[in-house]
Amino acid sequence: MRASRTVVPTITAAAIVLVLATAWLLEWPLEKAILLAPVIVATVGVTILLFLFWIKVVVDALRRQQHPLRIVAAGVAALALLVVLSFFVDLPSGGY
């Protein structure tokens, strides 16, 4: 029972910070953010869960490869190329 004495206040504080941060970032009235608090907390929780799940999938897949550093290097290079192309290359608008 000792763990619940520290876990519950920590989770409550995290939920309050999430709601306040959402209201500030989206420039919502505090009442709207409080009303949507369950949706905000659930969305952040599911997002973190999916992120951790995919990290586990990638780590498990890399452990089975013969050259995991080459795969990581190729992934980082592809991501860097995507960032460079996204921010520094001006594509034509299409003119429709």
N, C-alpha and C. Protein backbone atom coordinates (compact mmCIF):
# COMPACT_ATOMS: atom_id res chain seq x y z
N MET A 1 0.80 -1.20 0.00
CA MET A 1 0.00 0.00 0.00
C MET A 1 0.85 1.27 0.00
N ARG A 2 2.11 1.15 0.33
CA ARG A 2 2.96 2.32 0.41
C ARG A 2 3.18 2.95 -0.98
N ALA A 3 3.20 2.14 -2.02
CA ALA A 3 3.43 2.67 -3.35
C ALA A 3 2.30 3.58 -3.79
N SER A 4 1.06 3.27 -3.41
CA SER A 4 -0.06 4.10 -3.84
C SER A 4 -0.02 5.49 -3.21
N ARG A 5 0.66 5.63 -2.08
CA ARG A 5 0.76 6.95 -1.45
C ARG A 5 1.61 7.90 -2.27
N THR A 6 2.54 7.38 -3.04
CA THR A 6 3.37 8.25 -3.88
C THR A 6 2.93 8.24 -5.33
N VAL A 7 2.33 7.15 -5.78
CA VAL A 7 1.95 7.04 -7.19
C VAL A 7 0.73 7.91 -7.50
N VAL A 8 -0.28 7.86 -6.68
CA VAL A 8 -1.51 8.60 -6.95
C VAL A 8 -1.27 10.11 -7.02
N PRO A 9 -0.57 10.71 -6.06
CA PRO A 9 -0.31 12.16 -6.20
C PRO A 9 0.55 12.50 -7.41
N THR A 10 1.48 11.63 -7.75
CA THR A 10 2.33 11.88 -8.92
C THR A 10 1.52 11.85 -10.21
N ILE A 11 0.65 10.87 -10.33
CA ILE A 11 -0.19 10.76 -11.53
C ILE A 11 -1.18 11.93 -11.59
N THR A 12 -1.73 12.30 -10.46
CA THR A 12 -2.64 13.44 -10.42
C THR A 12 -1.93 14.72 -10.84
N ALA A 13 -0.74 14.93 -10.34
CA ALA A 13 0.03 16.12 -10.72
C ALA A 13 0.36 16.10 -12.21
N ALA A 14 0.70 14.94 -12.74
CA ALA A 14 1.01 14.83 -14.18
C ALA A 14 -0.22 15.15 -15.02
N ALA A 15 -1.39 14.69 -14.60
CA ALA A 15 -2.62 14.97 -15.33
C ALA A 15 -2.94 16.46 -15.30
N ILE A 16 -2.75 17.09 -14.16
CA ILE A 16 -3.00 18.53 -14.05
C ILE A 16 -2.04 19.31 -14.94
N VAL A 17 -0.77 18.91 -14.94
CA VAL A 17 0.22 19.59 -15.79
C VAL A 17 -0.13 19.40 -17.26
N LEU A 18 -0.57 18.21 -17.65
CA LEU A 18 -0.98 17.96 -19.04
C LEU A 18 -2.13 18.87 -19.45
N VAL A 19 -3.12 18.98 -18.59
CA VAL A 19 -4.28 19.81 -18.91
C VAL A 19 -3.87 21.28 -19.01
N LEU A 20 -3.08 21.75 -18.06
CA LEU A 20 -2.63 23.15 -18.10
C LEU A 20 -1.75 23.42 -19.32
N ALA A 21 -0.87 22.49 -19.65
CA ALA A 21 0.00 22.66 -20.83
C ALA A 21 -0.82 22.67 -22.11
N THR A 22 -1.83 21.81 -22.18
CA THR A 22 -2.68 21.78 -23.37
C THR A 22 -3.44 23.08 -23.51
N ALA A 23 -3.99 23.58 -22.42
CA ALA A 23 -4.71 24.86 -22.47
C ALA A 23 -3.79 25.99 -22.92
N TRP A 24 -2.56 25.98 -22.44
CA TRP A 24 -1.62 27.03 -22.81
C TRP A 24 -1.18 26.90 -24.27
N LEU A 25 -0.81 25.67 -24.69
CA LEU A 25 -0.32 25.46 -26.06
C LEU A 25 -1.38 25.74 -27.11
N LEU A 26 -2.60 25.29 -26.85
CA LEU A 26 -3.67 25.47 -27.83
C LEU A 26 -4.46 26.75 -27.63
N GLU A 27 -4.07 27.53 -26.61
CA GLU A 27 -4.72 28.80 -26.29
C GLU A 27 -6.22 28.61 -26.06
N TRP A 28 -6.55 27.55 -25.33
CA TRP A 28 -7.93 27.27 -24.96
C TRP A 28 -8.24 27.92 -23.63
N PRO A 29 -9.53 28.19 -23.38
CA PRO A 29 -9.91 28.56 -22.01
C PRO A 29 -9.67 27.36 -21.08
N LEU A 30 -9.32 27.63 -19.85
CA LEU A 30 -9.03 26.57 -18.90
C LEU A 30 -10.23 25.64 -18.70
N GLU A 31 -11.43 26.20 -18.77
CA GLU A 31 -12.64 25.39 -18.59
C GLU A 31 -12.77 24.32 -19.67
N LYS A 32 -12.43 24.70 -20.90
CA LYS A 32 -12.50 23.75 -22.02
C LYS A 32 -11.49 22.63 -21.83
N ALA A 33 -10.28 22.98 -21.41
CA ALA A 33 -9.24 21.97 -21.20
C ALA A 33 -9.62 21.04 -20.05
N ILE A 34 -10.22 21.60 -18.99
CA ILE A 34 -10.64 20.76 -17.88
C ILE A 34 -11.75 19.81 -18.31
N LEU A 35 -12.66 20.31 -19.12
CA LEU A 35 -13.74 19.46 -19.62
C LEU A 35 -13.20 18.32 -20.48
N LEU A 36 -12.15 18.59 -21.23
CA LEU A 36 -11.56 17.58 -22.11
C LEU A 36 -10.41 16.83 -21.46
N ALA A 37 -10.22 16.99 -20.16
CA ALA A 37 -9.10 16.36 -19.46
C ALA A 37 -9.02 14.85 -19.67
N PRO A 38 -10.13 14.10 -19.59
CA PRO A 38 -10.00 12.65 -19.83
C PRO A 38 -9.50 12.32 -21.24
N VAL A 39 -9.92 13.09 -22.22
CA VAL A 39 -9.48 12.86 -23.60
C VAL A 39 -8.00 13.20 -23.74
N ILE A 40 -7.59 14.31 -23.13
CA ILE A 40 -6.18 14.73 -23.20
C ILE A 40 -5.28 13.69 -22.56
N VAL A 41 -5.63 13.25 -21.36
CA VAL A 41 -4.80 12.29 -20.64
C VAL A 41 -4.76 10.95 -21.37
N ALA A 42 -5.91 10.50 -21.87
CA ALA A 42 -5.96 9.22 -22.60
C ALA A 42 -5.14 9.29 -23.89
N THR A 43 -5.24 10.40 -24.60
CA THR A 43 -4.49 10.55 -25.85
C THR A 43 -2.99 10.53 -25.61
N VAL A 44 -2.53 11.25 -24.60
CA VAL A 44 -1.11 11.26 -24.28
C VAL A 44 -0.66 9.87 -23.84
N GLY A 45 -1.47 9.20 -23.03
CA GLY A 45 -1.12 7.86 -22.57
C GLY A 45 -1.01 6.85 -23.70
N VAL A 46 -1.97 6.89 -24.61
CA VAL A 46 -1.94 5.95 -25.75
C VAL A 46 -0.77 6.27 -26.68
N THR A 47 -0.48 7.55 -26.86
CA THR A 47 0.66 7.94 -27.70
C THR A 47 1.97 7.43 -27.11
N ILE A 48 2.14 7.60 -25.82
CA ILE A 48 3.35 7.09 -25.16
C ILE A 48 3.42 5.57 -25.25
N LEU A 49 2.30 4.91 -25.05
CA LEU A 49 2.26 3.45 -25.14
C LEU A 49 2.66 2.96 -26.54
N LEU A 50 2.11 3.58 -27.57
CA LEU A 50 2.47 3.19 -28.94
C LEU A 50 3.94 3.46 -29.24
N PHE A 51 4.45 4.59 -28.76
CA PHE A 51 5.85 4.92 -28.96
C PHE A 51 6.76 3.87 -28.31
N LEU A 52 6.44 3.50 -27.08
CA LEU A 52 7.24 2.49 -26.39
C LEU A 52 7.12 1.12 -27.06
N PHE A 53 5.92 0.79 -27.54
CA PHE A 53 5.72 -0.49 -28.25
C PHE A 53 6.60 -0.56 -29.49
N TRP A 54 6.63 0.51 -30.29
CA TRP A 54 7.42 0.48 -31.52
C TRP A 54 8.91 0.51 -31.23
N ILE A 55 9.32 1.15 -30.15
CA ILE A 55 10.73 1.06 -29.76
C ILE A 55 11.09 -0.38 -29.44
N LYS A 56 10.22 -1.08 -28.71
CA LYS A 56 10.47 -2.48 -28.38
C LYS A 56 10.53 -3.35 -29.64
N VAL A 57 9.64 -3.10 -30.58
CA VAL A 57 9.64 -3.86 -31.84
C VAL A 57 10.94 -3.64 -32.60
N VAL A 58 11.38 -2.39 -32.68
CA VAL A 58 12.61 -2.08 -33.42
C VAL A 58 13.82 -2.70 -32.72
N VAL A 59 13.88 -2.60 -31.40
CA VAL A 59 15.02 -3.16 -30.67
C VAL A 59 15.06 -4.68 -30.82
N ASP A 60 13.91 -5.34 -30.72
CA ASP A 60 13.87 -6.79 -30.90
C ASP A 60 14.27 -7.19 -32.32
N ALA A 61 13.83 -6.43 -33.31
CA ALA A 61 14.20 -6.74 -34.68
C ALA A 61 15.69 -6.53 -34.93
N LEU A 62 16.25 -5.47 -34.34
CA LEU A 62 17.67 -5.21 -34.51
C LEU A 62 18.54 -6.27 -33.84
N ARG A 63 18.08 -6.82 -32.75
CA ARG A 63 18.85 -7.86 -32.06
C ARG A 63 19.00 -9.11 -32.90
N ARG A 64 18.06 -9.35 -33.81
CA ARG A 64 18.12 -10.56 -34.64
C ARG A 64 18.93 -10.36 -35.92
N GLN A 65 19.38 -9.15 -36.19
CA GLN A 65 20.11 -8.87 -37.41
C GLN A 65 21.61 -9.10 -37.22
N GLN A 66 22.29 -9.41 -38.33
CA GLN A 66 23.74 -9.61 -38.27
C GLN A 66 24.48 -8.28 -38.14
N HIS A 67 23.99 -7.24 -38.79
CA HIS A 67 24.67 -5.93 -38.80
C HIS A 67 23.68 -4.84 -38.36
N PRO A 68 23.35 -4.79 -37.09
CA PRO A 68 22.34 -3.81 -36.66
C PRO A 68 22.82 -2.36 -36.79
N LEU A 69 24.12 -2.11 -36.66
CA LEU A 69 24.61 -0.74 -36.76
C LEU A 69 24.45 -0.19 -38.17
N ARG A 70 24.59 -1.05 -39.16
CA ARG A 70 24.38 -0.61 -40.55
C ARG A 70 22.92 -0.22 -40.76
N ILE A 71 22.02 -0.98 -40.19
CA ILE A 71 20.59 -0.67 -40.34
C ILE A 71 20.26 0.64 -39.63
N VAL A 72 20.80 0.83 -38.44
CA VAL A 72 20.56 2.08 -37.71
C VAL A 72 21.16 3.26 -38.47
N ALA A 73 22.35 3.09 -39.01
CA ALA A 73 22.99 4.16 -39.77
C ALA A 73 22.17 4.51 -41.01
N ALA A 74 21.65 3.50 -41.70
CA ALA A 74 20.82 3.76 -42.87
C ALA A 74 19.53 4.47 -42.48
N GLY A 75 18.95 4.09 -41.37
CA GLY A 75 17.73 4.76 -40.90
C GLY A 75 17.97 6.20 -40.53
N VAL A 76 19.07 6.46 -39.83
CA VAL A 76 19.41 7.84 -39.45
C VAL A 76 19.70 8.67 -40.69
N ALA A 77 20.39 8.08 -41.67
CA ALA A 77 20.68 8.80 -42.92
C ALA A 77 19.39 9.12 -43.67
N ALA A 78 18.47 8.18 -43.72
CA ALA A 78 17.18 8.41 -44.39
C ALA A 78 16.39 9.50 -43.68
N LEU A 79 16.40 9.48 -42.36
CA LEU A 79 15.70 10.51 -41.59
C LEU A 79 16.33 11.88 -41.81
N ALA A 80 17.66 11.93 -41.84
CA ALA A 80 18.35 13.20 -42.09
C ALA A 80 18.03 13.73 -43.48
N LEU A 81 18.01 12.84 -44.46
CA LEU A 81 17.65 13.25 -45.82
C LEU A 81 16.23 13.78 -45.87
N LEU A 82 15.31 13.14 -45.18
CA LEU A 82 13.92 13.59 -45.13
C LEU A 82 13.81 14.97 -44.50
N VAL A 83 14.57 15.21 -43.42
CA VAL A 83 14.55 16.53 -42.77
C VAL A 83 15.11 17.59 -43.71
N VAL A 84 16.22 17.28 -44.37
CA VAL A 84 16.82 18.25 -45.29
C VAL A 84 15.87 18.56 -46.43
N LEU A 85 15.28 17.55 -47.01
CA LEU A 85 14.35 17.78 -48.12
C LEU A 85 13.10 18.53 -47.67
N SER A 86 12.63 18.26 -46.47
CA SER A 86 11.42 18.90 -45.98
C SER A 86 11.62 20.38 -45.70
N PHE A 87 12.77 20.75 -45.13
CA PHE A 87 12.96 22.12 -44.71
C PHE A 87 13.70 22.99 -45.70
N PHE A 88 14.54 22.40 -46.53
CA PHE A 88 15.44 23.21 -47.34
C PHE A 88 15.19 23.13 -48.84
N VAL A 89 14.29 22.26 -49.30
CA VAL A 89 14.01 22.16 -50.72
C VAL A 89 12.62 22.73 -50.97
N ASP A 90 12.54 23.72 -51.87
CA ASP A 90 11.27 24.36 -52.18
C ASP A 90 10.65 23.66 -53.39
N LEU A 91 9.56 22.96 -53.18
CA LEU A 91 8.89 22.24 -54.25
C LEU A 91 7.88 23.14 -54.95
N PRO A 92 7.63 22.91 -56.24
CA PRO A 92 6.64 23.72 -56.94
C PRO A 92 5.24 23.44 -56.37
N SER A 93 4.37 24.43 -56.43
CA SER A 93 3.05 24.33 -55.81
C SER A 93 2.06 23.53 -56.65
N GLY A 94 2.23 23.39 -57.92
CA GLY A 94 1.32 22.61 -58.75
C GLY A 94 0.40 23.50 -59.56
N GLY A 95 0.03 24.67 -59.07
CA GLY A 95 -0.73 25.67 -59.82
C GLY A 95 -2.18 25.34 -60.08
N TYR A 96 -2.83 24.57 -59.24
CA TYR A 96 -4.24 24.26 -59.48
C TYR A 96 -5.10 25.30 -58.89
